[in-house]
C-alpha atoms as a PDB file:
ATOM      1  CA  MET A   1     127.056  86.348 104.213  1.00  0.00           C
ATOM      2  CA  LEU A   2     128.696  88.446 101.523  1.00  0.00           C
ATOM      3  CA  LEU A   3     125.464  88.607  99.242  1.00  0.00           C
ATOM      4  CA  ARG A   4     123.347  89.303 102.566  1.00  0.00           C
ATOM      5  CA  SER A   5     125.841  92.720 103.123  1.00  0.00           C
ATOM      6  CA  VAL A   6     124.857  93.891  99.690  1.00  0.00           C
ATOM      7  CA  PHE A   7     121.426  93.165 100.332  1.00  0.00           C
ATOM      8  CA  LEU A   8     121.941  95.802 103.233  1.00  0.00           C
ATOM      9  CA  THR A   9     123.986  98.083 101.820  1.00  0.00           C
ATOM     10  CA  LEU A  10     121.342  98.427  99.584  1.00  0.00           C
ATOM     11  CA  SER A  11     118.535  98.180 101.286  1.00  0.00           C
ATOM     12  CA  VAL A  12     120.369 101.556 103.076  1.00  0.00           C
ATOM     13  CA  TRP A  13     120.190 103.464  99.814  1.00  0.00           C
ATOM     14  CA  LEU A  14     117.223 102.613  98.574  1.00  0.00           C
ATOM     15  CA  LEU A  15     115.703 104.198 102.001  1.00  0.00           C
ATOM     16  CA  ALA A  16     118.048 107.174 101.494  1.00  0.00           C
ATOM     17  CA  VAL A  17     117.896 108.088  98.015  1.00  0.00           C
ATOM     18  CA  GLY A  18     115.661 105.774  96.745  1.00  0.00           C
ATOM     19  CA  THR A  19     112.388 107.431  97.470  1.00  0.00           C
ATOM     20  CA  PRO A  20     110.711 110.685  98.376  1.00  0.00           C
ATOM     21  CA  VAL A  21     111.655 111.742 101.875  1.00  0.00           C
ATOM     22  CA  GLN A  22     108.532 111.993 103.630  1.00  0.00           C
ATOM     23  CA  ALA A  23     109.343 112.561 106.687  1.00  0.00           C
ATOM     24  CA  GLN A  24     111.660 115.831 105.869  1.00  0.00           C
ATOM     25  CA  ASN A  25     109.585 117.420 103.358  1.00  0.00           C
ATOM     26  CA  ASP A  26     105.982 116.861 103.127  1.00  0.00           C
ATOM     27  CA  GLY A  27     106.725 118.082  99.516  1.00  0.00           C
ATOM     28  CA  GLY A  28     107.762 114.651  97.936  1.00  0.00           C
ATOM     29  CA  ALA A  29     111.609 116.068  97.812  1.00  0.00           C
ATOM     30  CA  THR A  30     113.931 113.484  96.678  1.00  0.00           C
ATOM     31  CA  GLY A  31     116.856 112.161  98.984  1.00  0.00           C
ATOM     32  CA  VAL A  32     119.917 112.390  97.022  1.00  0.00           C
ATOM     33  CA  PHE A  33     123.582 112.833  97.462  1.00  0.00           C
ATOM     34  CA  VAL A  34     125.427 116.261  95.565  1.00  0.00           C
ATOM     35  CA  ALA A  35     129.166 117.387  95.132  1.00  0.00           C
ATOM     36  CA  PRO A  36     130.553 120.657  93.367  1.00  0.00           C
ATOM     37  CA  VAL A  37     131.986 121.095  90.400  1.00  0.00           C
ATOM     38  CA  LYS A  38     135.407 121.168  91.018  1.00  0.00           C
ATOM     39  CA  LEU A  39     138.469 123.608  89.160  1.00  0.00           C
ATOM     40  CA  ALA A  40     141.060 120.723  88.947  1.00  0.00           C
ATOM     41  CA  SER A  41     144.307 120.291  87.203  1.00  0.00           C
ATOM     42  CA  PHE A  42     144.159 118.116  83.790  1.00  0.00           C
ATOM     43  CA  SER A  43     146.164 116.706  80.676  1.00  0.00           C
ATOM     44  CA  ASP A  44     145.628 114.296  78.147  1.00  0.00           C
ATOM     45  CA  ASP A  45     147.933 111.751  79.602  1.00  0.00           C
ATOM     46  CA  ILE A  46     149.838 109.585  77.279  1.00  0.00           C
ATOM     47  CA  GLU A  47     150.819 106.252  79.347  1.00  0.00           C
ATOM     48  CA  ALA A  48     154.177 103.890  78.241  1.00  0.00           C
ATOM     49  CA  LEU A  49     156.707 101.401  79.565  1.00  0.00           C
ATOM     50  CA  GLY A  50     160.315 102.281  80.105  1.00  0.00           C
ATOM     51  CA  THR A  51     163.965 101.348  81.496  1.00  0.00           C
ATOM     52  CA  LEU A  52     165.969 103.371  83.485  1.00  0.00           C
ATOM     53  CA  THR A  53     169.958 103.820  82.558  1.00  0.00           C
ATOM     54  CA  SER A  54     172.378 105.856  84.246  1.00  0.00           C
ATOM     55  CA  ILE A  55     173.298 109.295  82.897  1.00  0.00           C
ATOM     56  CA  GLN A  56     177.095 107.825  82.309  1.00  0.00           C
ATOM     57  CA  ASN A  57     177.843 103.896  82.746  1.00  0.00           C
ATOM     58  CA  VAL A  58     180.567 101.734  82.207  1.00  0.00           C
ATOM     59  CA  THR A  59     182.124  98.552  82.490  1.00  0.00           C
ATOM     60  CA  LEU A  60     185.353  98.805  83.446  1.00  0.00           C
ATOM     61  CA  ALA A  61     187.770  96.028  82.330  1.00  0.00           C
ATOM     62  CA  SER A  62     191.534  95.277  82.137  1.00  0.00           C
ATOM     63  CA  THR A  63     193.565  96.563  78.723  1.00  0.00           C
ATOM     64  CA  VAL A  64     196.751  93.891  79.620  1.00  0.00           C
ATOM     65  CA  THR A  65     197.469  90.223  80.733  1.00  0.00           C
ATOM     66  CA  GLU A  66     199.083  90.912  83.918  1.00  0.00           C
ATOM     67  CA  LEU A  67     198.507  89.943  87.989  1.00  0.00           C
ATOM     68  CA  VAL A  68     196.203  92.071  90.048  1.00  0.00           C
ATOM     69  CA  THR A  69     198.016  92.957  93.248  1.00  0.00           C
ATOM     70  CA  ALA A  70     195.783  95.463  95.028  1.00  0.00           C
ATOM     71  CA  VAL A  71     191.902  96.354  94.344  1.00  0.00           C
ATOM     72  CA  HIS A  72     190.717  99.568  96.283  1.00  0.00           C
ATOM     73  CA  PHE A  73     187.020  99.079  96.524  1.00  0.00           C
ATOM     74  CA  ARG A  74     184.123  97.361  97.897  1.00  0.00           C
ATOM     75  CA  ASP A  75     180.868  96.701  95.907  1.00  0.00           C
ATOM     76  CA  GLY A  76     178.444  99.145  95.861  1.00  0.00           C
ATOM     77  CA  GLN A  77     180.904 102.104  97.019  1.00  0.00           C
ATOM     78  CA  ARG A  78     180.970 105.579  95.941  1.00  0.00           C
ATOM     79  CA  VAL A  79     184.043 106.586  94.114  1.00  0.00           C
ATOM     80  CA  LYS A  80     185.229 110.137  92.836  1.00  0.00           C
ATOM     81  CA  GLN A  81     186.364 110.478  89.762  1.00  0.00           C
ATOM     82  CA  GLY A  82     190.132 109.831  88.993  1.00  0.00           C
ATOM     83  CA  GLU A  83     190.045 107.783  92.390  1.00  0.00           C
ATOM     84  CA  LEU A  84     192.322 104.663  91.937  1.00  0.00           C
ATOM     85  CA  LEU A  85     190.403 100.904  92.090  1.00  0.00           C
ATOM     86  CA  VAL A  86     192.500  98.192  91.330  1.00  0.00           C
ATOM     87  CA  GLU A  87     196.421  97.907  90.795  1.00  0.00           C
ATOM     88  CA  MET A  88     198.426  94.924  88.404  1.00  0.00           C
ATOM     89  CA  ASP A  89     201.772  94.159  89.048  1.00  0.00           C
ATOM     90  CA  ALA A  90     204.120  96.667  87.050  1.00  0.00           C
ATOM     91  CA  SER A  91     207.623  95.916  88.703  1.00  0.00           C
ATOM     92  CA  GLU A  92     209.170  95.213  85.001  1.00  0.00           C
ATOM     93  CA  GLU A  93     207.776  98.314  83.949  1.00  0.00           C
ATOM     94  CA  LEU A  94     209.035 100.289  87.056  1.00  0.00           C
ATOM     95  CA  ALA A  95     212.425  99.178  86.310  1.00  0.00           C
ATOM     96  CA  GLU A  96     212.305  99.785  82.974  1.00  0.00           C
ATOM     97  CA  LEU A  97     211.130 103.438  83.712  1.00  0.00           C
ATOM     98  CA  ALA A  98     214.436 104.077  86.070  1.00  0.00           C
ATOM     99  CA  GLU A  99     216.792 102.667  83.434  1.00  0.00           C
ATOM    100  CA  GLU A 100     214.742 104.970  80.551  1.00  0.00           C
ATOM    101  CA  GLN A 101     215.144 108.391  83.355  1.00  0.00           C
ATOM    102  CA  ALA A 102     218.577 107.513  83.585  1.00  0.00           C
ATOM    103  CA  LEU A 103     218.915 107.733  79.751  1.00  0.00           C
ATOM    104  CA  VAL A 104     217.318 111.469  80.105  1.00  0.00           C
ATOM    105  CA  GLU A 105     219.700 112.943  82.662  1.00  0.00           C
ATOM    106  CA  GLU A 106     222.567 111.394  80.262  1.00  0.00           C
ATOM    107  CA  ALA A 107     221.186 112.472  77.190  1.00  0.00           C
ATOM    108  CA  ARG A 108     220.512 116.220  79.186  1.00  0.00           C
ATOM    109  CA  ARG A 109     223.982 116.381  79.816  1.00  0.00           C
ATOM    110  CA  GLN A 110     225.140 115.641  76.866  1.00  0.00           C
ATOM    111  CA  VAL A 111     222.926 119.032  75.065  1.00  0.00           C
ATOM    112  CA  ASN A 112     224.027 121.344  78.044  1.00  0.00           C
ATOM    113  CA  ARG A 113     227.738 120.247  77.401  1.00  0.00           C
ATOM    114  CA  PHE A 114     227.332 120.838  73.393  1.00  0.00           C
ATOM    115  CA  GLU A 115     225.578 123.950  73.772  1.00  0.00           C
ATOM    116  CA  PRO A 116     228.044 126.112  75.207  1.00  0.00           C
ATOM    117  CA  LEU A 117     230.930 124.365  72.522  1.00  0.00           C
ATOM    118  CA  ALA A 118     229.057 124.582  69.571  1.00  0.00           C
ATOM    119  CA  GLY A 119     228.507 128.643  70.553  1.00  0.00           C
ATOM    120  CA  ARG A 120     232.218 129.020  70.677  1.00  0.00           C
ATOM    121  CA  GLY A 121     232.587 127.085  67.087  1.00  0.00           C
ATOM    122  CA  ALA A 122     234.345 123.899  69.218  1.00  0.00           C
ATOM    123  CA  ALA A 123     231.929 121.455  68.365  1.00  0.00           C
ATOM    124  CA  SER A 124     230.056 121.203  65.061  1.00  0.00           C
ATOM    125  CA  GLU A 125     225.700 122.334  65.034  1.00  0.00           C
ATOM    126  CA  ALA A 126     225.381 118.497  63.494  1.00  0.00           C
ATOM    127  CA  ALA A 127     226.853 117.259  66.689  1.00  0.00           C
ATOM    128  CA  LEU A 128     224.536 119.515  69.055  1.00  0.00           C
ATOM    129  CA  ASP A 129     221.481 118.835  66.738  1.00  0.00           C
ATOM    130  CA  GLU A 130     222.260 115.041  67.644  1.00  0.00           C
ATOM    131  CA  SER A 131     222.236 115.570  71.343  1.00  0.00           C
ATOM    132  CA  ARG A 132     218.882 117.124  70.835  1.00  0.00           C
ATOM    133  CA  ARG A 133     217.541 114.402  68.941  1.00  0.00           C
ATOM    134  CA  LEU A 134     218.749 111.500  71.226  1.00  0.00           C
ATOM    135  CA  LEU A 135     217.167 113.697  74.560  1.00  0.00           C
ATOM    136  CA  LYS A 136     213.694 113.748  73.070  1.00  0.00           C
ATOM    137  CA  THR A 137     214.145 110.097  72.406  1.00  0.00           C
ATOM    138  CA  ALA A 138     215.037 108.801  75.458  1.00  0.00           C
ATOM    139  CA  GLN A 139     211.896 111.215  76.796  1.00  0.00           C
ATOM    140  CA  ALA A 140     209.926 109.745  74.062  1.00  0.00           C
ATOM    141  CA  ARG A 141     210.569 106.142  76.010  1.00  0.00           C
ATOM    142  CA  VAL A 142     209.849 108.070  79.277  1.00  0.00           C
ATOM    143  CA  GLN A 143     206.567 108.536  78.452  1.00  0.00           C
ATOM    144  CA  ALA A 144     205.901 105.234  76.483  1.00  0.00           C
ATOM    145  CA  VAL A 145     206.721 103.513  79.587  1.00  0.00           C
ATOM    146  CA  GLU A 146     204.854 105.844  82.210  1.00  0.00           C
ATOM    147  CA  ALA A 147     201.801 104.647  79.269  1.00  0.00           C
ATOM    148  CA  ARG A 148     202.516 100.978  80.558  1.00  0.00           C
ATOM    149  CA  ILE A 149     202.630 101.459  84.126  1.00  0.00           C
ATOM    150  CA  ALA A 150     198.818 103.943  83.796  1.00  0.00           C
ATOM    151  CA  GLN A 151     197.223 100.277  81.769  1.00  0.00           C
ATOM    152  CA  ARG A 152     198.087  98.778  84.682  1.00  0.00           C
ATOM    153  CA  LYS A 153     195.846 101.346  86.940  1.00  0.00           C
ATOM    154  CA  VAL A 154     192.157 100.708  86.908  1.00  0.00           C
ATOM    155  CA  VAL A 155     190.880 104.135  88.092  1.00  0.00           C
ATOM    156  CA  ALA A 156     187.040 105.386  87.789  1.00  0.00           C
ATOM    157  CA  PRO A 157     186.538 108.160  84.730  1.00  0.00           C
ATOM    158  CA  PHE A 158     183.682 109.880  86.506  1.00  0.00           C
ATOM    159  CA  ASP A 159     182.129 110.167  89.915  1.00  0.00           C
ATOM    160  CA  GLY A 160     179.599 107.343  90.931  1.00  0.00           C
ATOM    161  CA  VAL A 161     178.846 103.831  92.519  1.00  0.00           C
ATOM    162  CA  VAL A 162     180.865 100.846  91.744  1.00  0.00           C
ATOM    163  CA  GLY A 163     179.239  97.335  91.128  1.00  0.00           C
ATOM    164  CA  LEU A 164     179.733  94.246  92.113  1.00  0.00           C
ATOM    165  CA  ARG A 165     183.996  92.962  92.454  1.00  0.00           C
ATOM    166  CA  GLN A 166     184.419  90.609  89.481  1.00  0.00           C
ATOM    167  CA  ILE A 167     187.983  90.220  90.459  1.00  0.00           C
ATOM    168  CA  SER A 168     190.299  89.245  93.377  1.00  0.00           C
ATOM    169  CA  VAL A 169     193.997  89.782  94.222  1.00  0.00           C
ATOM    170  CA  GLY A 170     195.819  87.354  92.700  1.00  0.00           C
ATOM    171  CA  ALA A 171     194.111  87.001  89.518  1.00  0.00           C
ATOM    172  CA  LEU A 172     195.068  87.032  86.108  1.00  0.00           C
ATOM    173  CA  ALA A 173     193.928  89.666  84.325  1.00  0.00           C
ATOM    174  CA  GLN A 174     193.011  89.344  80.929  1.00  0.00           C
ATOM    175  CA  PRO A 175     192.029  92.160  77.936  1.00  0.00           C
ATOM    176  CA  GLY A 176     188.309  92.764  78.012  1.00  0.00           C
ATOM    177  CA  ALA A 177     187.543  91.075  81.433  1.00  0.00           C
ATOM    178  CA  MET A 178     184.990  92.611  83.570  1.00  0.00           C
ATOM    179  CA  ILE A 179     186.219  93.826  86.669  1.00  0.00           C
ATOM    180  CA  THR A 180     183.206  95.786  88.013  1.00  0.00           C
ATOM    181  CA  THR A 181     180.622  98.362  86.664  1.00  0.00           C
ATOM    182  CA  ILE A 182     180.714 102.437  87.591  1.00  0.00           C
ATOM    183  CA  ASP A 183     177.129 104.097  87.209  1.00  0.00           C
ATOM    184  CA  ASP A 184     177.091 107.679  87.697  1.00  0.00           C
ATOM    185  CA  ASP A 185     172.951 107.845  89.494  1.00  0.00           C
ATOM    186  CA  SER A 186     172.676 111.380  90.108  1.00  0.00           C
ATOM    187  CA  VAL A 187     170.560 111.421  87.038  1.00  0.00           C
ATOM    188  CA  MET A 188     168.944 108.865  85.240  1.00  0.00           C
ATOM    189  CA  GLN A 189     167.482 108.035  82.272  1.00  0.00           C
ATOM    190  CA  LEU A 190     164.481 106.889  81.002  1.00  0.00           C
ATOM    191  CA  ASP A 191     163.754 105.222  77.710  1.00  0.00           C
ATOM    192  CA  PHE A 192     159.924 104.160  76.950  1.00  0.00           C
ATOM    193  CA  SER A 193     158.483 103.675  73.680  1.00  0.00           C
ATOM    194  CA  VAL A 194     155.525 105.367  72.545  1.00  0.00           C
ATOM    195  CA  PRO A 195     153.280 104.854  68.956  1.00  0.00           C
ATOM    196  CA  GLU A 196     153.372 107.107  66.164  1.00  0.00           C
ATOM    197  CA  LEU A 197     150.473 108.311  67.269  1.00  0.00           C
ATOM    198  CA  PHE A 198     151.422 110.576  69.643  1.00  0.00           C
ATOM    199  CA  LEU A 199     154.555 112.193  66.983  1.00  0.00           C
ATOM    200  CA  ARG A 200     153.621 115.361  67.335  1.00  0.00           C
ATOM    201  CA  THR A 201     153.159 115.552  71.042  1.00  0.00           C
ATOM    202  CA  LEU A 202     156.466 114.363  71.869  1.00  0.00           C
ATOM    203  CA  VAL A 203     158.682 117.791  72.048  1.00  0.00           C
ATOM    204  CA  PRO A 204     161.718 117.970  74.243  1.00  0.00           C
ATOM    205  CA  GLY A 205     160.461 120.191  77.738  1.00  0.00           C
ATOM    206  CA  LEU A 206     157.507 118.129  78.199  1.00  0.00           C
ATOM    207  CA  LYS A 207     156.661 116.753  82.001  1.00  0.00           C
ATOM    208  CA  ILE A 208     156.650 113.117  82.399  1.00  0.00           C
ATOM    209  CA  SER A 209     155.733 111.635  85.505  1.00  0.00           C
ATOM    210  CA  ALA A 210     157.054 107.878  86.448  1.00  0.00           C
ATOM    211  CA  THR A 211     156.289 105.142  89.020  1.00  0.00           C
ATOM    212  CA  ALA A 212     157.600 101.884  89.855  1.00  0.00           C
ATOM    213  CA  ALA A 213     156.110  98.515  91.221  1.00  0.00           C
ATOM    214  CA  ALA A 214     159.415  98.314  93.668  1.00  0.00           C
ATOM    215  CA  PHE A 215     158.456 101.681  95.419  1.00  0.00           C
ATOM    216  CA  PRO A 216     155.059 101.672  95.657  1.00  0.00           C
ATOM    217  CA  GLY A 217     153.036 105.115  96.558  1.00  0.00           C
ATOM    218  CA  GLN A 218     155.810 106.881  94.790  1.00  0.00           C
ATOM    219  CA  SER A 219     156.226 109.332  91.551  1.00  0.00           C
ATOM    220  CA  TYR A 220     159.143 110.451  90.393  1.00  0.00           C
ATOM    221  CA  ASP A 221     159.055 113.437  87.708  1.00  0.00           C
ATOM    222  CA  GLY A 222     161.498 113.677  84.782  1.00  0.00           C
ATOM    223  CA  GLU A 223     161.398 116.233  81.950  1.00  0.00           C
ATOM    224  CA  LEU A 224     161.676 114.597  77.851  1.00  0.00           C
ATOM    225  CA  THR A 225     164.613 115.367  76.469  1.00  0.00           C
ATOM    226  CA  SER A 226     164.974 113.720  73.281  1.00  0.00           C
ATOM    227  CA  VAL A 227     163.119 111.776  70.841  1.00  0.00           C
ATOM    228  CA  ASP A 228     164.949 108.901  68.574  1.00  0.00           C
ATOM    229  CA  SER A 229     165.265 109.766  64.805  1.00  0.00           C
ATOM    230  CA  ARG A 230     163.815 106.712  63.575  1.00  0.00           C
ATOM    231  CA  VAL A 231     160.131 105.137  64.178  1.00  0.00           C
ATOM    232  CA  ASP A 232     160.200 101.008  64.110  1.00  0.00           C
ATOM    233  CA  PRO A 233     158.513 100.011  61.000  1.00  0.00           C
ATOM    234  CA  ILE A 234     157.728  96.578  62.790  1.00  0.00           C
ATOM    235  CA  THR A 235     156.376  98.036  66.184  1.00  0.00           C
ATOM    236  CA  ARG A 236     155.246 101.682  64.466  1.00  0.00           C
ATOM    237  CA  ALA A 237     156.956 103.312  67.674  1.00  0.00           C
ATOM    238  CA  ILE A 238     159.628 105.743  68.469  1.00  0.00           C
ATOM    239  CA  THR A 239     161.461 105.913  71.338  1.00  0.00           C
ATOM    240  CA  ALA A 240     161.970 108.725  73.562  1.00  0.00           C
ATOM    241  CA  ARG A 241     163.735 109.412  76.337  1.00  0.00           C
ATOM    242  CA  ALA A 242     163.263 111.401  79.779  1.00  0.00           C
ATOM    243  CA  LEU A 243     165.826 112.876  82.388  1.00  0.00           C
ATOM    244  CA  ILE A 244     164.763 111.596  86.256  1.00  0.00           C
ATOM    245  CA  GLN A 245     166.689 113.370  88.872  1.00  0.00           C
ATOM    246  CA  ASN A 246     167.623 110.995  91.705  1.00  0.00           C
ATOM    247  CA  GLU A 247     169.122 112.829  94.916  1.00  0.00           C
ATOM    248  CA  SER A 248     167.922 110.197  96.775  1.00  0.00           C
ATOM    249  CA  ARG A 249     169.757 107.419  94.481  1.00  0.00           C
ATOM    250  CA  GLN A 250     166.614 105.302  94.976  1.00  0.00           C
ATOM    251  CA  LEU A 251     166.328 104.723  91.647  1.00  0.00           C
ATOM    252  CA  LYS A 252     168.394 101.518  89.850  1.00  0.00           C
ATOM    253  CA  PRO A 253     169.552 101.336  86.153  1.00  0.00           C
ATOM    254  CA  GLY A 254     167.346  98.470  84.780  1.00  0.00           C
ATOM    255  CA  LEU A 255     164.656  99.396  86.993  1.00  0.00           C
ATOM    256  CA  LEU A 256     160.824  99.143  84.973  1.00  0.00           C
ATOM    257  CA  MET A 257     159.003 102.182  85.358  1.00  0.00           C
ATOM    258  CA  ARG A 258     155.388 102.994  84.293  1.00  0.00           C
ATOM    259  CA  VAL A 259     155.249 106.880  82.137  1.00  0.00           C
ATOM    260  CA  THR A 260     152.482 108.839  82.541  1.00  0.00           C
ATOM    261  CA  LEU A 261     153.647 112.032  80.260  1.00  0.00           C
ATOM    262  CA  ARG A 262     151.570 115.364  81.060  1.00  0.00           C
ATOM    263  CA  ASN A 263     150.589 116.740  77.092  1.00  0.00           C
ATOM    264  CA  ASN A 264     148.623 119.971  77.261  1.00  0.00           C
ATOM    265  CA  PRO A 265     148.359 120.289  81.389  1.00  0.00           C
ATOM    266  CA  ARG A 266     145.538 123.171  81.695  1.00  0.00           C
ATOM    267  CA  GLN A 267     143.287 124.025  84.918  1.00  0.00           C
ATOM    268  CA  THR A 268     139.685 122.904  84.077  1.00  0.00           C
ATOM    269  CA  LEU A 269     136.027 121.936  85.376  1.00  0.00           C
ATOM    270  CA  VAL A 270     135.615 117.960  86.883  1.00  0.00           C
ATOM    271  CA  VAL A 271     132.336 116.347  88.034  1.00  0.00           C
ATOM    272  CA  GLN A 272     132.477 112.914  89.535  1.00  0.00           C
ATOM    273  CA  GLU A 273     131.689 110.025  86.747  1.00  0.00           C
ATOM    274  CA  GLU A 274     128.683 109.180  89.224  1.00  0.00           C
ATOM    275  CA  ALA A 275     126.913 112.607  88.198  1.00  0.00           C
ATOM    276  CA  ILE A 276     127.177 111.772  84.268  1.00  0.00           C
ATOM    277  CA  ILE A 277     123.796 110.313  82.638  1.00  0.00           C
ATOM    278  CA  HIS A 278     124.397 109.481  79.291  1.00  0.00           C
ATOM    279  CA  ASN A 279     120.967 109.338  76.992  1.00  0.00           C
ATOM    280  CA  ALA A 280     122.182 107.690  73.472  1.00  0.00           C
ATOM    281  CA  ASP A 281     125.369 110.173  72.101  1.00  0.00           C
ATOM    282  CA  LYS A 282     124.528 113.085  74.580  1.00  0.00           C
ATOM    283  CA  ALA A 283     125.908 113.574  77.811  1.00  0.00           C
ATOM    284  CA  PHE A 284     123.444 115.254  81.116  1.00  0.00           C
ATOM    285  CA  VAL A 285     124.111 116.576  84.567  1.00  0.00           C
ATOM    286  CA  LEU A 286     121.274 117.506  87.422  1.00  0.00           C
ATOM    287  CA  VAL A 287     122.494 120.507  88.881  1.00  0.00           C
ATOM    288  CA  ALA A 288     120.813 121.427  92.015  1.00  0.00           C
ATOM    289  CA  ILE A 289     119.752 125.424  92.007  1.00  0.00           C
ATOM    290  CA  PRO A 290     118.885 126.315  95.361  1.00  0.00           C
ATOM    291  CA  GLU A 291     115.110 128.037  95.468  1.00  0.00           C
ATOM    292  CA  GLY A 292     114.506 129.098  98.891  1.00  0.00           C
ATOM    293  CA  GLU A 293     115.624 126.733 101.411  1.00  0.00           C
ATOM    294  CA  ALA A 294     115.431 123.827  99.080  1.00  0.00           C
ATOM    295  CA  HIS A 295     116.483 122.142  95.908  1.00  0.00           C
ATOM    296  CA  ARG A 296     115.301 121.644  92.246  1.00  0.00           C
ATOM    297  CA  ALA A 297     116.663 119.563  90.164  1.00  0.00           C
ATOM    298  CA  GLU A 298     117.829 121.287  86.345  1.00  0.00           C
ATOM    299  CA  ARG A 299     118.678 118.678  83.925  1.00  0.00           C
ATOM    300  CA  ARG A 300     121.848 119.934  81.754  1.00  0.00           C
ATOM    301  CA  GLU A 301     123.706 119.000  78.736  1.00  0.00           C
ATOM    302  CA  VAL A 302     127.154 118.425  79.257  1.00  0.00           C
ATOM    303  CA  LYS A 303     130.410 118.377  76.978  1.00  0.00           C
ATOM    304  CA  LEU A 304     132.665 116.082  78.372  1.00  0.00           C
ATOM    305  CA  GLY A 305     136.234 116.152  77.755  1.00  0.00           C
ATOM    306  CA  VAL A 306     138.631 113.730  78.953  1.00  0.00           C
ATOM    307  CA  ARG A 307     138.093 111.048  81.323  1.00  0.00           C
ATOM    308  CA  ARG A 308     140.464 109.531  84.447  1.00  0.00           C
ATOM    309  CA  GLU A 309     139.719 107.522  87.418  1.00  0.00           C
ATOM    310  CA  GLY A 310     136.478 108.630  89.373  1.00  0.00           C
ATOM    311  CA  GLU A 311     136.568 112.059  87.096  1.00  0.00           C
ATOM    312  CA  VAL A 312     135.852 113.546  84.017  1.00  0.00           C
ATOM    313  CA  GLU A 313     136.124 117.121  82.805  1.00  0.00           C
ATOM    314  CA  VAL A 314     133.905 119.131  81.498  1.00  0.00           C
ATOM    315  CA  LEU A 315     134.079 121.348  78.630  1.00  0.00           C
ATOM    316  CA  ASP A 316     130.852 122.941  78.540  1.00  0.00           C
ATOM    317  CA  GLY A 317     127.448 123.196  80.763  1.00  0.00           C
ATOM    318  CA  VAL A 318     128.350 123.713  84.395  1.00  0.00           C
ATOM    319  CA  ALA A 319     130.056 126.219  86.510  1.00  0.00           C
ATOM    320  CA  ALA A 320     132.297 125.836  88.913  1.00  0.00           C
ATOM    321  CA  ASP A 321     131.382 125.053  92.594  1.00  0.00           C
ATOM    322  CA  GLU A 322     128.051 124.382  91.443  1.00  0.00           C
ATOM    323  CA  LEU A 323     126.098 120.995  92.908  1.00  0.00           C
ATOM    324  CA  VAL A 324     125.233 118.316  90.776  1.00  0.00           C
ATOM    325  CA  VAL A 325     123.795 115.132  91.794  1.00  0.00           C
ATOM    326  CA  VAL A 326     126.051 112.166  92.342  1.00  0.00           C
ATOM    327  CA  HIS A 327     124.235 109.480  93.909  1.00  0.00           C
ATOM    328  CA  GLY A 328     120.363 109.483  93.202  1.00  0.00           C
ATOM    329  CA  THR A 329     120.038 110.319  89.593  1.00  0.00           C
ATOM    330  CA  MET A 330     117.962 107.144  88.929  1.00  0.00           C
ATOM    331  CA  THR A 331     114.829 108.810  91.037  1.00  0.00           C
ATOM    332  CA  ALA A 332     115.281 112.536  90.748  1.00  0.00           C
ATOM    333  CA  ARG A 333     113.190 114.323  88.087  1.00  0.00           C
ATOM    334  CA  ASP A 334     114.203 117.745  86.231  1.00  0.00           C
ATOM    335  CA  GLY A 335     111.973 120.163  87.477  1.00  0.00           C
ATOM    336  CA  GLY A 336     111.431 118.098  90.697  1.00  0.00           C
ATOM    337  CA  LEU A 337     112.568 119.088  94.678  1.00  0.00           C
ATOM    338  CA  LEU A 338     115.954 117.686  96.073  1.00  0.00           C
ATOM    339  CA  ALA A 339     116.171 117.066  99.559  1.00  0.00           C
ATOM    340  CA  ILE A 340     119.948 117.155  99.995  1.00  0.00           C
ATOM    341  CA  GLN A 341     120.950 114.040 102.180  1.00  0.00           C
ATOM    342  CA  ALA A 342     124.618 115.135 102.292  1.00  0.00           C
ATOM    343  CA  ILE A 343     127.467 117.116  99.721  1.00  0.00           C
ATOM    344  CA  GLU A 344     130.706 115.087  99.143  1.00  0.00           C
ATOM    345  CA  SER A 345     133.905 117.204  99.371  1.00  0.00           C
ATOM    346  CA  LYS A 346     136.581 114.689 100.047  1.00  0.00           C
ATOM    347  CA  GLY A 347     136.015 111.955  97.866  1.00  0.00           C
ATOM    348  CA  GLU A 348     133.694 109.944 100.585  1.00  0.00           C
ATOM    349  CA  THR A 349     132.256 106.666  99.294  1.00  0.00           C
ATOM    350  CA  LEU A 350     128.562 106.136  99.166  1.00  0.00           C
ATOM    351  CA  LYS A 351     128.483 104.617 102.687  1.00  0.00           C
ATOM    352  CA  GLN A 352     130.326 106.893 104.488  1.00  0.00           C
ATOM    353  CA  MET A 353     127.819 109.568 103.648  1.00  0.00           C
ATOM    354  CA  LEU A 354     125.014 107.190 104.066  1.00  0.00           C
ATOM    355  CA  GLU A 355     127.143 106.656 108.135  1.00  0.00           C
ATOM    356  CA  ALA A 356     127.433 110.302 108.630  1.00  0.00           C
ATOM    357  CA  THR A 357     123.742 110.835 107.550  1.00  0.00           C
ATOM    358  CA  PRO A 358     121.294 111.478 110.254  1.00  0.00           C
ATOM    359  CA  SER A 359     118.757 108.619 110.523  1.00  0.00           C
ATOM    360  CA  GLN A 360     115.741 109.652 109.616  1.00  0.00           C
ATOM    361  CA  ASP A 361     114.302 107.434 112.770  1.00  0.00           C
ATOM    362  CA  ALA A 362     116.208 109.790 115.466  1.00  0.00           C
ATOM    363  CA  SER A 363     113.576 112.315 115.322  1.00  0.00           C
END
């Protein structure tokens, strides 16, 4: 069934553009499909694979061995800087704090009593200095206890999103044991490796675009911000870093991205790949030159630039909006008459153009 479909398509093609269209043009014009030379945005693309990380990220962990008394966040919750996330038992420290604060008040009263006495000569300066020293010592002990109490509270170091909770109320927290992660995902860092051959093109400000298999059809724009100071002597590649704005919060740390670096962006002339005729080391196109109400083929040598899917950059040989033959290059001849069957303008396939072409038996 597939072979018959292919045979029928080829048969229609040969009838449409492979033979002189005698029914339409008694002069023996060759039926062809043409497309205009377009001015398009082009660049010398460099492709790589990279991994996303958040602009700020940290693993939250306990610094003390203590019982967890409260957990104030949910998995995946967005939090603000300074927001309390976890509390641990601090009853002993709170009692000690009350005791030390009482000692501070007592030391302050002693200073307040000695200052007027020393001013009248009723107390020695040494006694006043000692009272002041005791006050400072008591205040330092209060600060030390307050620091221990703070160690029993875990707060968000910056705005971001927390990960999965790894601790529960009643658990005994241990120093270094993970509580959760937090990521500032407003901006994502994309680290990727590029062959050292392209080192000179890796300059801050270079535009990049990235795609992820997880989100087909979507592209994310970013900008190169930094390049590693060393080339890997084994892989002969260097790591570069780009930043991508993540307003939608769709991108996640660890996501694999396909990166395209837009090097040397420019406006240039392009033609379809099908229009190129190769002969040894040269390239040619057939330009449809208007001649009265008809067109005549003119074979021109062209200088080609960068290729991309379906299109080729033309550096010299054609002008914008000129019509070049894209289907029928094997039968059309330099200087021969052309019968234009259709002008491709929106990337139509050959099948679509054949279906849109009026039947030659319609008359």
